[in-house]
Amino acid sequence: TSTNFISCIDNQGNNIWTKSFKGSHLNFFHSIEINKSKEEIILSGVFQDTIEVEGKRFISSGKSDGIIAAFSKMGEVKNVITIGGKGAEQISFVEVTPEGGLLIIGIYEKVLNFGEKIIIQEEKQGKGIFLLILDKEGNCLRLSNIGWAANAEINSVIKNSEHYFISGSFTDKIAFNNNEVESEGNQDIFLVAFDNRFKLNWVKSLGGQRKEHTAGLVACSEGVVLTGSFLSNLEINDYLISPEKNSNDIFITKVDTNGKIKWFRVFGGPGNEYPQDIISDGIGNLFLVGQFNDSLLTPTKIVSLGNEDIFLAKLKDCDKVKLPFKIPEVKCPDKELVLDAGPGFISYDWDNGKSFNSSYTVNSDKSIPLRVTTNEGCVLFDTIIVSNAPIEDPFIGNDTCIVDTSVLILQCHGSYTAYQWSSGCRASDIIINGSDLREGPNVIWLTTTDVYGCEGYDDIVIDVVKPANSFHAKDLYYSIYPNPASDIINIELNQSFKKIIIKIFDISGKKILSTTLTDYPQGQIIKIPVSSLVPGIFTLLISTTEFEITHKIVHQ
């Protein structure tokens, strides 16, 4: 016979109540959950043959059944349910749902019954992995098979905001939704990810020719941290790790939500080491508990006092180490890009052994695998995606011809961080006075720099002519006042015009104001409001069909 118990103890260590359960064979309870909506304590485990709860006897349907007992906060038994079939069934995980029901994951053989619901293990040899969801009243909402294995044990189930992760060990084969993986040797580790509706995302295995075990999971926002022990040579992302002196060593690894291994670390000693559980404090530290004999390097060395001792280790979470790369890294076409992982690592491996320096030069768009190792023993994996920048050369206009009295505004459109004109101007737009250019062809060019540091180029040929019958600004008399101005600028011309366009540009060449007048009579005063302008120097451009003139004005 076997006896199990549950006790409620206050914060002073005083016993409030204790309940015990007697069975005819091996029975054990392994998890406690709190159902806040029903103010119940949920105890789950497995029993063989018979078990008594508060005088009520339960008989297993097969070799062993799962059992869940609900207690009030004062220890009153509220409900007991058993889950079983014709073989050995066990409950591996129980979670209270947001609605106050239960989500249960476990292992069964052949057939599993729950009330009128039944699922059958179709494989003649092997074990099924089941999912059972109950509502708040204990009614079955879902009973389904989510996996199969020739022989498997579930060690840990954990949930983050978007996924359920299940880890354990298996021999031969394991499959989830027809996604099958095979063991490399005697016993391997499996890790499987489902979404919140238990749709399979991925399944992966880890192992060698001998026995590997898993011991615990820690959920994080970007994946899960898994710990276990290994006795074989393991191949992780094409990287071979070996146990020390042919004994069991400990590994910790992080797998992201896409099933990619992001980092791992190993430690051990000359004897056998086994982790038992792992937790995170959420601020960059992992706490690992387990057992060892002889000595253990974590990296602090400790020595056992007897045949086998218990250890508790505080380890830096390898997630705290960040590589400095963007997604993607962008290079300019026909130029090299230097990728630099930075200092602080004791080893580097770029592109599967092509370089072992801290930096690596890339001359084409490609994906570059990188492995680095920290002083604490964290081995980090990354894949740097390098792509060519989308280059768009600037355009400042087509070649043109102007008279020497014309004023031409050249504008560069696009997203650039720097501009360099042939005149030395560094604004996006410039004003070209025909009178400042020599008669004949003149080349005006611009180079730009974009957000990726890539350079672009464009030029324009401006042909300046001085026709004999051209109208020159010297034939025009005008008055612009006051200058400097604060509120109004007055403009007075000595001739009449059908149309006048007046524009004001800031010092960078950006247009600030534009106005058009028609049928302008000689001598009329044009009032231009400038009170909204910031203090500074501006360019006033007056254009008619006969001429264009510019004048510097000051706003104060």
Protein backbone atom coordinates (compact mmCIF):
# COMPACT_ATOMS: atom_id res chain seq x y z
CA THR A 1 0.00 0.00 0.00
CA SER A 2 0.96 3.66 -0.34
CA THR A 3 -0.23 6.84 1.36
CA ASN A 4 -0.19 10.39 -0.03
CA PHE A 5 -1.18 13.58 1.74
CA ILE A 6 -1.86 17.27 1.17
CA SER A 7 -1.44 19.88 3.91
CA CYS A 8 -2.43 23.52 4.23
CA ILE A 9 0.06 25.57 6.29
CA ASP A 10 -0.27 29.24 7.30
CA ASN A 11 2.47 31.82 6.86
CA GLN A 12 3.82 31.05 10.33
CA GLY A 13 4.32 27.37 9.50
CA ASN A 14 1.33 26.13 11.49
CA ASN A 15 -0.67 23.26 10.03
CA ILE A 16 -4.30 24.21 9.27
CA TRP A 17 -5.45 20.90 7.83
CA THR A 18 -4.12 17.68 6.29
CA LYS A 19 -5.80 15.12 4.04
CA SER A 20 -4.35 11.68 3.27
CA PHE A 21 -5.10 9.14 0.54
CA LYS A 22 -4.47 5.41 0.80
CA GLY A 23 -4.01 3.09 -2.15
CA SER A 24 -3.34 -0.56 -2.74
CA HIS A 25 -0.34 0.02 -4.97
CA LEU A 26 1.98 2.84 -6.04
CA ASN A 27 0.16 6.19 -6.11
CA PHE A 28 1.57 9.69 -6.29
CA PHE A 29 0.35 13.26 -6.68
CA HIS A 30 2.70 15.60 -8.48
CA SER A 31 1.07 19.02 -9.02
CA ILE A 32 -1.12 21.58 -7.25
CA GLU A 33 -3.08 24.34 -9.00
CA ILE A 34 -5.33 27.06 -7.56
CA ASN A 35 -8.72 27.69 -9.20
CA LYS A 36 -9.36 31.27 -8.05
CA SER A 37 -12.78 31.57 -9.67
CA LYS A 38 -14.06 28.58 -7.65
CA GLU A 39 -11.74 29.05 -4.63
CA GLU A 40 -10.53 25.48 -5.03
CA ILE A 41 -7.21 23.67 -4.70
CA ILE A 42 -6.63 21.24 -7.59
CA LEU A 43 -4.46 18.21 -6.86
CA SER A 44 -3.47 15.87 -9.72
CA GLY A 45 -1.54 12.62 -10.03
CA VAL A 46 -1.74 8.92 -10.91
CA PHE A 47 -2.88 5.79 -9.07
CA GLN A 48 -2.76 2.02 -9.59
CA ASP A 49 -5.54 -0.41 -8.74
CA THR A 50 -7.40 1.46 -5.95
CA ILE A 51 -7.23 4.69 -3.99
CA GLU A 52 -9.43 6.10 -1.21
CA VAL A 53 -10.28 9.80 -0.95
CA GLU A 54 -12.30 10.77 2.16
CA GLY A 55 -13.67 7.26 2.45
CA LYS A 56 -14.66 6.97 -1.20
CA ARG A 57 -12.89 4.25 -3.16
CA PHE A 58 -11.79 4.65 -6.77
CA ILE A 59 -10.71 1.74 -8.99
CA SER A 60 -8.42 2.19 -12.00
CA SER A 61 -9.76 1.05 -15.38
CA GLY A 62 -6.44 -0.45 -16.42
CA LYS A 63 -2.90 -0.61 -15.12
CA SER A 64 -3.00 2.99 -13.87
CA ASP A 65 -5.33 5.99 -14.16
CA GLY A 66 -4.99 9.71 -13.74
CA ILE A 67 -6.75 11.37 -10.83
CA ILE A 68 -7.73 14.98 -10.09
CA ALA A 69 -9.13 16.04 -6.71
CA ALA A 70 -10.59 19.45 -5.90
CA PHE A 71 -10.54 20.78 -2.30
CA SER A 72 -12.04 23.86 -0.72
CA LYS A 73 -9.66 26.24 1.03
CA MET A 74 -10.69 24.56 4.30
CA GLY A 75 -9.82 21.09 3.03
CA GLU A 76 -13.29 19.84 2.11
CA VAL A 77 -13.28 17.48 -0.87
CA LYS A 78 -15.41 19.12 -3.57
CA ASN A 79 -14.90 16.73 -6.48
CA VAL A 80 -12.76 13.81 -7.65
CA ILE A 81 -12.43 12.68 -11.26
CA THR A 82 -10.43 9.84 -12.76
CA ILE A 83 -9.13 9.54 -16.30
CA GLY A 84 -8.26 6.12 -17.63
CA GLY A 85 -8.60 3.31 -20.11
CA LYS A 86 -7.32 -0.19 -20.67
CA GLY A 87 -3.61 0.54 -20.22
CA ALA A 88 -1.32 2.77 -18.18
CA GLU A 89 -2.62 6.35 -18.15
CA GLN A 90 -1.13 9.31 -16.36
CA ILE A 91 -1.71 13.05 -16.06
CA SER A 92 1.32 15.17 -16.88
CA PHE A 93 -0.08 18.72 -16.75
CA VAL A 94 -3.13 20.51 -15.34
CA GLU A 95 -3.94 24.17 -15.93
CA VAL A 96 -6.89 26.22 -14.73
CA THR A 97 -8.43 27.99 -17.75
CA PRO A 98 -9.49 31.67 -17.64
CA GLU A 99 -13.12 30.47 -17.52
CA GLY A 100 -12.46 28.36 -14.40
CA GLY A 101 -12.30 25.01 -16.18
CA LEU A 102 -9.35 22.65 -16.54
CA LEU A 103 -6.91 21.90 -19.36
CA ILE A 104 -5.26 18.49 -18.91
CA ILE A 105 -2.44 16.83 -20.85
CA GLY A 106 -1.23 13.29 -20.29
CA ILE A 107 -0.29 9.89 -21.74
CA TYR A 108 -2.53 6.90 -22.42
CA GLU A 109 -2.35 3.40 -23.90
CA LYS A 110 -4.84 1.83 -26.33
CA VAL A 111 -8.10 3.51 -25.25
CA LEU A 112 -8.93 6.52 -23.09
CA ASN A 113 -12.41 7.11 -21.67
CA PHE A 114 -13.89 10.17 -20.05
CA GLY A 115 -17.65 9.90 -19.57
CA GLU A 116 -19.15 9.32 -22.98
CA LYS A 117 -16.02 10.59 -24.74
CA ILE A 118 -13.49 8.06 -26.01
CA ILE A 119 -10.28 8.16 -28.05
CA ILE A 120 -8.42 5.15 -29.41
CA GLN A 121 -4.68 4.79 -29.90
CA GLU A 122 -4.60 3.51 -33.48
CA GLU A 123 -1.03 2.21 -33.27
CA LYS A 124 -0.94 -1.35 -31.89
CA GLN A 125 2.26 -0.64 -29.98
CA GLY A 126 2.95 2.68 -28.36
CA LYS A 127 1.48 5.49 -26.32
CA GLY A 128 -0.83 8.36 -27.18
CA ILE A 129 -0.66 11.90 -25.84
CA PHE A 130 -4.10 13.28 -24.98
CA LEU A 131 -5.63 16.71 -24.46
CA LEU A 132 -8.71 17.04 -22.24
CA ILE A 133 -10.52 20.35 -21.68
CA LEU A 134 -13.27 20.65 -19.06
CA ASP A 135 -15.62 23.55 -18.42
CA LYS A 136 -16.22 25.14 -15.02
CA GLU A 137 -18.82 22.50 -14.18
CA GLY A 138 -16.55 19.61 -15.14
CA ASN A 139 -18.22 18.84 -18.48
CA CYS A 140 -15.96 17.66 -21.30
CA LEU A 141 -15.43 20.28 -24.01
CA ARG A 142 -12.67 18.44 -25.87
CA LEU A 143 -10.93 15.08 -25.70
CA SER A 144 -8.42 14.46 -28.47
CA ASN A 145 -5.16 12.76 -29.39
CA ILE A 146 -2.39 15.29 -30.05
CA GLY A 147 0.56 12.91 -30.44
CA TRP A 148 1.90 9.37 -30.54
CA ALA A 149 5.18 7.67 -29.62
CA ALA A 150 6.55 4.16 -29.50
CA ASN A 151 7.54 4.92 -25.92
CA ALA A 152 7.48 8.39 -24.37
CA GLU A 153 7.35 10.24 -21.08
CA ILE A 154 6.21 13.84 -20.67
CA ASN A 155 8.48 15.78 -18.34
CA SER A 156 7.28 19.39 -18.57
CA VAL A 157 4.45 21.42 -20.06
CA ILE A 158 4.55 25.20 -19.96
CA LYS A 159 2.69 28.07 -21.57
CA ASN A 160 3.57 31.60 -22.60
CA SER A 161 1.21 34.18 -24.05
CA GLU A 162 0.87 32.46 -27.45
CA HIS A 163 2.16 28.87 -27.19
CA TYR A 164 2.09 25.63 -25.26
CA PHE A 165 5.42 23.80 -25.08
CA ILE A 166 5.70 20.11 -24.16
CA SER A 167 9.02 18.39 -23.49
CA GLY A 168 9.96 14.85 -22.58
CA SER A 169 11.90 11.79 -23.68
CA PHE A 170 11.13 9.12 -26.29
CA THR A 171 12.57 6.08 -27.98
CA ASP A 172 12.29 5.02 -31.62
CA LYS A 173 9.71 7.49 -33.01
CA ILE A 174 7.37 10.26 -31.93
CA ALA A 175 4.77 12.06 -34.04
CA PHE A 176 2.45 15.03 -33.70
CA ASN A 177 -0.16 15.59 -36.41
CA ASN A 178 1.79 13.33 -38.81
CA ASN A 179 5.01 15.27 -38.16
CA GLU A 180 7.31 12.42 -37.20
CA VAL A 181 10.84 12.46 -35.82
CA GLU A 182 13.12 9.51 -35.03
CA SER A 183 15.51 9.10 -32.15
CA GLU A 184 19.24 8.99 -32.85
CA GLY A 185 19.95 6.31 -30.27
CA ASN A 186 18.64 4.78 -27.06
CA GLN A 187 16.60 7.74 -25.77
CA ASP A 188 16.22 11.27 -27.10
CA ILE A 189 14.56 14.48 -26.00
CA PHE A 190 11.55 15.98 -27.78
CA LEU A 191 10.19 19.50 -27.67
CA VAL A 192 6.90 20.39 -29.36
CA ALA A 193 5.08 23.73 -29.70
CA PHE A 194 1.33 24.28 -30.14
CA ASP A 195 -0.63 27.50 -30.46
CA ASN A 196 -3.36 28.40 -27.96
CA ARG A 197 -5.86 26.23 -29.86
CA PHE A 198 -3.40 23.32 -29.89
CA LYS A 199 -2.65 23.57 -33.58
CA LEU A 200 0.84 22.16 -34.11
CA ASN A 201 3.57 24.70 -34.83
CA TRP A 202 6.67 22.48 -34.84
CA VAL A 203 8.35 19.49 -33.22
CA LYS A 204 12.09 18.88 -32.84
CA SER A 205 14.34 16.31 -31.17
CA LEU A 206 17.73 16.43 -29.49
CA GLY A 207 19.92 13.41 -28.81
CA GLY A 208 22.78 11.11 -29.67
CA GLN A 209 23.58 7.41 -29.52
CA ARG A 210 22.95 7.02 -25.78
CA LYS A 211 20.42 8.36 -23.25
CA GLU A 212 19.38 12.00 -22.95
CA HIS A 213 16.87 13.34 -20.42
CA THR A 214 14.92 16.57 -20.07
CA ALA A 215 14.26 18.12 -16.68
CA GLY A 216 12.42 21.43 -16.99
CA LEU A 217 11.13 24.32 -19.07
CA VAL A 218 11.00 28.08 -18.57
CA ALA A 219 8.69 30.13 -20.79
CA CYS A 220 9.78 33.51 -22.12
CA SER A 221 8.26 36.01 -24.52
CA GLU A 222 10.32 34.82 -27.49
CA GLY A 223 10.33 31.08 -26.86
CA VAL A 224 11.29 28.60 -24.15
CA VAL A 225 14.39 27.60 -22.17
CA LEU A 226 14.95 23.84 -21.84
CA THR A 227 17.32 22.00 -19.52
CA GLY A 228 18.36 18.35 -19.34
CA SER A 229 21.28 15.95 -19.23
CA PHE A 230 23.21 14.27 -22.04
CA LEU A 231 25.48 11.26 -22.24
CA SER A 232 26.10 11.30 -26.01
CA ASN A 233 27.76 13.70 -28.39
CA LEU A 234 25.10 16.23 -29.34
CA GLU A 235 24.96 18.17 -32.59
CA ILE A 236 23.36 21.60 -32.11
CA ASN A 237 23.16 23.82 -35.20
CA ASP A 238 26.06 21.86 -36.76
CA TYR A 239 28.08 22.38 -33.57
CA LEU A 240 29.26 19.25 -31.71
CA ILE A 241 29.21 19.19 -27.91
CA SER A 242 30.58 16.29 -25.88
CA PRO A 243 30.08 15.25 -22.24
CA GLU A 244 33.13 15.25 -19.96
CA LYS A 245 34.77 11.85 -19.31
CA ASN A 246 31.91 9.83 -20.77
CA SER A 247 29.48 10.87 -18.00
CA ASN A 248 26.18 12.73 -17.83
CA ASP A 249 26.55 16.51 -18.15
CA ILE A 250 23.96 19.29 -17.99
CA PHE A 251 22.79 21.48 -20.85
CA ILE A 252 20.56 24.56 -21.01
CA THR A 253 19.28 25.82 -24.35
CA LYS A 254 16.81 28.38 -25.66
CA VAL A 255 14.50 27.57 -28.56
CA ASP A 256 12.54 30.43 -30.13
CA THR A 257 8.88 30.33 -31.19
CA ASN A 258 9.92 29.18 -34.68
CA GLY A 259 11.83 26.16 -33.33
CA LYS A 260 15.32 27.62 -33.86
CA ILE A 261 18.00 27.13 -31.21
CA LYS A 262 19.21 30.61 -30.19
CA TRP A 263 21.81 29.66 -27.56
CA PHE A 264 23.03 26.88 -25.31
CA ARG A 265 25.46 26.31 -22.47
CA VAL A 266 26.81 23.13 -20.88
CA PHE A 267 28.58 22.36 -17.63
CA GLY A 268 29.50 19.32 -15.62
CA GLY A 269 32.37 17.43 -14.09
CA PRO A 270 34.05 14.02 -14.07
CA GLY A 271 30.99 12.34 -12.49
CA ASN A 272 27.30 12.28 -13.39
CA GLU A 273 25.22 15.47 -13.16
CA TYR A 274 21.44 15.71 -13.50
CA PRO A 275 19.26 18.82 -13.40
CA GLN A 276 15.88 18.57 -11.68
CA ASP A 277 14.21 21.91 -12.44
CA ILE A 278 14.87 25.42 -13.72
CA ILE A 279 13.17 28.77 -13.07
CA SER A 280 13.74 32.40 -14.08
CA ASP A 281 13.50 35.52 -11.92
CA GLY A 282 12.45 37.56 -14.97
CA ILE A 283 15.35 40.01 -14.64
CA GLY A 284 18.10 38.09 -16.39
CA ASN A 285 18.91 35.19 -14.04
CA LEU A 286 18.19 31.47 -14.20
CA PHE A 287 18.12 29.21 -11.14
CA LEU A 288 18.95 25.55 -11.66
CA VAL A 289 18.69 22.77 -9.09
CA GLY A 290 19.95 19.20 -9.46
CA GLN A 291 22.37 16.57 -8.19
CA PHE A 292 26.01 15.75 -8.82
CA ASN A 293 28.86 13.58 -7.60
CA ASP A 294 32.58 14.26 -7.43
CA SER A 295 32.79 17.89 -8.60
CA LEU A 296 30.79 20.35 -10.71
CA LEU A 297 31.93 23.40 -12.67
CA THR A 298 29.11 25.95 -13.13
CA PRO A 299 31.60 27.83 -13.86
CA THR A 300 32.32 28.06 -10.09
CA LYS A 301 33.76 24.73 -8.99
CA ILE A 302 32.08 22.86 -6.16
CA VAL A 303 33.00 19.46 -4.70
CA SER A 304 30.55 16.90 -3.31
CA LEU A 305 30.91 15.90 0.33
CA GLY A 306 29.71 12.35 -0.23
CA ASN A 307 28.57 10.00 -2.93
CA GLU A 308 25.98 12.43 -4.35
CA ASP A 309 25.07 16.01 -3.39
CA ILE A 310 22.42 18.54 -4.36
CA PHE A 311 23.38 21.81 -6.05
CA LEU A 312 21.58 25.10 -6.60
CA ALA A 313 23.10 27.43 -9.20
CA LYS A 314 22.30 31.01 -10.14
CA LEU A 315 23.23 31.52 -13.79
CA LYS A 316 23.18 34.53 -16.05
CA ASP A 317 20.47 34.18 -18.66
CA CYS A 318 22.22 34.05 -22.04
CA ASP A 319 19.37 36.20 -23.38
CA LYS A 320 21.04 39.14 -21.63
CA VAL A 321 23.82 38.96 -24.21
CA LYS A 322 22.73 40.84 -27.31
CA LEU A 323 24.38 40.83 -30.71
CA PRO A 324 24.32 44.26 -32.40
CA PHE A 325 22.87 43.38 -35.80
CA LYS A 326 19.81 44.81 -37.53
CA ILE A 327 17.23 42.73 -39.40
CA PRO A 328 18.27 42.91 -42.16
CA GLU A 329 21.72 44.43 -42.41
CA VAL A 330 21.76 46.53 -45.59
CA LYS A 331 24.75 47.11 -47.84
CA CYS A 332 25.25 49.40 -50.80
CA PRO A 333 25.47 47.60 -54.17
CA ASP A 334 29.02 47.06 -55.39
CA LYS A 335 30.40 47.94 -51.95
CA GLU A 336 31.61 45.81 -49.07
CA LEU A 337 29.89 45.70 -45.69
CA VAL A 338 31.83 45.02 -42.50
CA LEU A 339 29.82 43.11 -39.88
CA ASP A 340 31.20 43.53 -36.37
CA ALA A 341 29.98 41.35 -33.48
CA GLY A 342 31.83 43.56 -31.01
CA PRO A 343 34.11 42.71 -28.09
CA GLY A 344 33.21 40.62 -25.06
CA PHE A 345 33.34 37.16 -26.63
CA ILE A 346 36.06 34.55 -26.30
CA SER A 347 35.44 32.98 -29.72
CA TYR A 348 33.81 33.81 -33.05
CA ASP A 349 32.82 31.59 -35.97
CA TRP A 350 31.51 33.33 -39.10
CA ASP A 351 29.90 31.53 -42.03
CA ASN A 352 30.75 28.01 -40.83
CA GLY A 353 34.45 28.53 -40.25
CA LYS A 354 35.33 31.16 -42.87
CA SER A 355 36.49 33.65 -40.25
CA PHE A 356 37.25 33.54 -36.51
CA ASN A 357 37.69 37.29 -35.97
CA SER A 358 35.24 39.66 -34.32
CA SER A 359 34.36 41.20 -37.70
CA TYR A 360 33.55 39.78 -41.11
CA THR A 361 33.48 41.45 -44.53
CA VAL A 362 30.57 40.74 -46.87
CA ASN A 363 30.54 41.67 -50.56
CA SER A 364 27.16 40.24 -51.63
CA ASP A 365 23.63 39.86 -50.32
CA LYS A 366 23.39 36.58 -48.40
CA SER A 367 22.64 35.00 -45.02
CA ILE A 368 25.65 34.69 -42.72
CA PRO A 369 25.56 32.19 -39.81
CA LEU A 370 27.44 33.33 -36.71
CA ARG A 371 28.37 31.54 -33.49
CA VAL A 372 29.96 33.33 -30.54
CA THR A 373 30.93 32.18 -27.04
CA THR A 374 30.90 34.36 -23.91
CA ASN A 375 33.13 34.18 -20.85
CA GLU A 376 30.20 32.63 -18.94
CA GLY A 377 29.98 29.77 -21.45
CA CYS A 378 26.95 30.96 -23.39
CA VAL A 379 27.15 29.82 -27.02
CA LEU A 380 24.94 32.12 -29.10
CA PHE A 381 23.70 31.48 -32.63
CA ASP A 382 22.54 34.12 -35.06
CA THR A 383 21.94 34.40 -38.77
CA ILE A 384 22.67 37.84 -40.17
CA ILE A 385 20.66 38.54 -43.30
CA VAL A 386 22.47 40.92 -45.63
CA SER A 387 20.52 42.54 -48.44
CA ASN A 388 21.36 45.17 -51.04
CA ALA A 389 19.91 48.59 -50.41
CA PRO A 390 17.13 49.68 -52.79
CA ILE A 391 19.08 52.39 -54.61
CA GLU A 392 17.16 55.22 -56.28
CA ASP A 393 19.41 57.81 -57.89
CA PRO A 394 18.29 61.41 -57.42
CA PHE A 395 16.71 63.32 -60.30
CA ILE A 396 17.16 67.09 -60.57
CA GLY A 397 15.65 67.60 -64.02
CA ASN A 398 16.30 67.32 -67.74
CA ASP A 399 18.90 69.35 -69.60
CA THR A 400 17.53 72.80 -70.40
CA CYS A 401 18.26 76.18 -71.98
CA ILE A 402 17.67 79.53 -70.26
CA VAL A 403 18.42 83.18 -70.91
CA ASP A 404 20.90 84.93 -68.66
CA THR A 405 18.12 86.85 -66.84
CA SER A 406 16.26 83.68 -65.83
CA VAL A 407 16.16 82.11 -62.38
CA LEU A 408 15.91 78.31 -62.22
CA ILE A 409 15.00 76.30 -59.11
CA LEU A 410 16.46 72.79 -58.98
CA GLN A 411 14.69 70.42 -56.60
CA CYS A 412 15.71 66.94 -55.48
CA HIS A 413 12.85 64.69 -54.42
CA GLY A 414 13.33 61.53 -52.34
CA SER A 415 14.38 60.36 -48.89
CA TYR A 416 18.01 61.34 -48.44
CA THR A 417 19.99 62.27 -45.37
CA ALA A 418 22.63 64.46 -47.07
CA TYR A 419 22.98 66.57 -50.24
CA GLN A 420 26.07 67.99 -51.92
CA TRP A 421 25.63 70.32 -54.95
CA SER A 422 28.44 71.36 -57.24
CA SER A 423 28.03 74.90 -55.91
CA GLY A 424 28.75 73.72 -52.35
CA CYS A 425 25.12 74.03 -51.22
CA ARG A 426 23.92 71.24 -48.90
CA ALA A 427 20.16 71.86 -49.15
CA SER A 428 17.72 69.68 -51.07
CA ASP A 429 16.79 72.58 -53.42
CA ILE A 430 18.90 75.37 -54.89
CA ILE A 431 18.22 78.55 -56.89
CA ILE A 432 20.25 79.01 -60.10
CA ASN A 433 20.59 82.56 -61.42
CA GLY A 434 21.31 82.67 -65.15
CA SER A 435 23.44 85.75 -64.60
CA ASP A 436 25.76 83.69 -62.35
CA LEU A 437 26.49 81.16 -65.10
CA ARG A 438 28.76 81.54 -68.10
CA GLU A 439 27.26 81.80 -71.57
CA GLY A 440 26.98 78.32 -73.09
CA PRO A 441 26.66 74.90 -71.42
CA ASN A 442 27.03 74.63 -67.62
CA VAL A 443 27.02 71.32 -65.72
CA ILE A 444 25.28 71.35 -62.33
CA TRP A 445 25.62 68.10 -60.34
CA LEU A 446 24.31 66.66 -57.08
CA THR A 447 25.43 63.74 -54.92
CA THR A 448 23.12 62.34 -52.24
CA THR A 449 23.47 59.99 -49.28
CA ASP A 450 20.53 57.81 -48.23
CA VAL A 451 19.64 56.27 -44.85
CA TYR A 452 21.89 53.26 -45.61
CA GLY A 453 24.92 55.44 -46.35
CA CYS A 454 24.73 54.73 -50.09
CA GLU A 455 25.57 57.53 -52.52
CA GLY A 456 23.57 58.61 -55.57
CA TYR A 457 24.38 61.04 -58.38
CA ASP A 458 22.64 63.14 -61.02
CA ASP A 459 23.59 66.16 -63.14
CA ILE A 460 21.94 68.60 -65.49
CA VAL A 461 23.33 70.69 -68.35
CA ILE A 462 22.04 74.27 -68.36
CA ASP A 463 22.73 76.13 -71.62
CA VAL A 464 22.75 79.92 -71.04
CA VAL A 465 22.03 82.27 -73.99
CA LYS A 466 22.02 86.07 -74.24
CA PRO A 467 19.69 86.99 -77.11
CA ALA A 468 20.09 90.43 -78.60
CA ASN A 469 16.43 91.36 -78.06
CA SER A 470 16.13 89.92 -74.55
CA PHE A 471 14.56 91.96 -71.82
CA HIS A 472 17.07 92.69 -69.08
CA ALA A 473 16.36 93.45 -65.46
CA LYS A 474 18.38 96.67 -65.89
CA ASP A 475 15.44 98.05 -67.95
CA LEU A 476 13.24 97.62 -64.90
CA TYR A 477 13.19 99.83 -61.86
CA TYR A 478 11.73 98.41 -58.66
CA SER A 479 11.60 99.20 -54.98
CA ILE A 480 11.44 96.66 -52.11
CA TYR A 481 10.98 98.04 -48.59
CA PRO A 482 11.31 97.93 -45.64
CA ASN A 483 14.27 95.58 -45.54
CA PRO A 484 14.71 94.23 -42.87
CA ALA A 485 10.98 93.78 -42.32
CA SER A 486 8.83 92.33 -39.56
CA ASP A 487 5.23 92.41 -40.83
CA ILE A 488 4.89 93.63 -44.46
CA ILE A 489 7.24 93.90 -47.43
CA ASN A 490 6.22 96.44 -50.09
CA ILE A 491 7.11 95.89 -53.76
CA GLU A 492 6.74 98.64 -56.39
CA LEU A 493 7.55 98.22 -60.13
CA ASN A 494 7.92 100.94 -62.80
CA GLN A 495 6.14 98.97 -65.52
CA SER A 496 2.76 97.28 -66.01
CA PHE A 497 2.52 93.48 -66.43
CA LYS A 498 -0.20 91.00 -67.33
CA LYS A 499 1.02 88.52 -64.72
CA ILE A 500 3.49 88.60 -61.84
CA ILE A 501 4.49 85.60 -59.68
CA ILE A 502 6.16 86.35 -56.34
CA LYS A 503 7.86 83.56 -54.31
CA ILE A 504 9.90 83.54 -51.10
CA PHE A 505 12.50 80.81 -50.35
CA ASP A 506 14.37 80.16 -47.11
CA ILE A 507 18.14 79.82 -46.90
CA SER A 508 17.98 76.08 -47.71
CA GLY A 509 16.02 76.72 -50.92
CA LYS A 510 12.65 75.59 -49.56
CA LYS A 511 9.66 77.54 -50.90
CA ILE A 512 7.89 79.37 -48.05
CA LEU A 513 5.37 81.57 -49.88
CA SER A 514 3.94 81.96 -53.39
CA THR A 515 1.41 84.48 -54.77
CA THR A 516 0.25 85.45 -58.29
CA LEU A 517 -1.05 88.83 -59.45
CA THR A 518 -2.74 89.63 -62.78
CA ASP A 519 -3.07 92.94 -64.64
CA TYR A 520 -0.56 94.76 -62.49
CA PRO A 521 -0.65 98.54 -63.12
CA GLN A 522 2.58 100.51 -63.12
CA GLY A 523 3.51 101.97 -59.72
CA GLN A 524 0.99 100.02 -57.63
CA ILE A 525 2.39 98.90 -54.25
CA ILE A 526 2.26 95.12 -53.69
CA LYS A 527 2.04 94.22 -49.99
CA ILE A 528 3.48 90.81 -49.02
CA PRO A 529 2.79 89.67 -45.40
CA VAL A 530 5.88 88.14 -43.75
CA SER A 531 4.94 88.12 -40.04
CA SER A 532 4.64 84.31 -40.02
CA LEU A 533 8.24 83.84 -41.14
CA VAL A 534 10.93 82.92 -38.64
CA PRO A 535 13.74 85.46 -38.27
CA GLY A 536 16.39 85.00 -40.93
CA ILE A 537 17.54 85.66 -44.49
CA PHE A 538 15.24 84.78 -47.41
CA THR A 539 15.30 84.99 -51.22
CA LEU A 540 12.53 86.96 -52.94
CA LEU A 541 11.85 85.84 -56.55
CA ILE A 542 9.80 88.08 -58.87
CA SER A 543 8.85 86.48 -62.20
CA THR A 544 7.01 87.76 -65.30
CA THR A 545 6.88 86.49 -68.85
CA GLU A 546 9.72 88.91 -69.68
CA PHE A 547 12.12 88.55 -66.76
CA GLU A 548 13.01 86.99 -63.41
CA ILE A 549 14.89 88.79 -60.64
CA THR A 550 15.97 87.75 -57.14
CA HIS A 551 16.46 89.90 -54.08
CA LYS A 552 17.69 89.09 -50.59
CA ILE A 553 15.34 90.11 -47.77
CA VAL A 554 15.73 89.92 -44.00
CA HIS A 555 12.93 89.11 -41.58
CA GLN A 556 13.42 90.19 -37.99
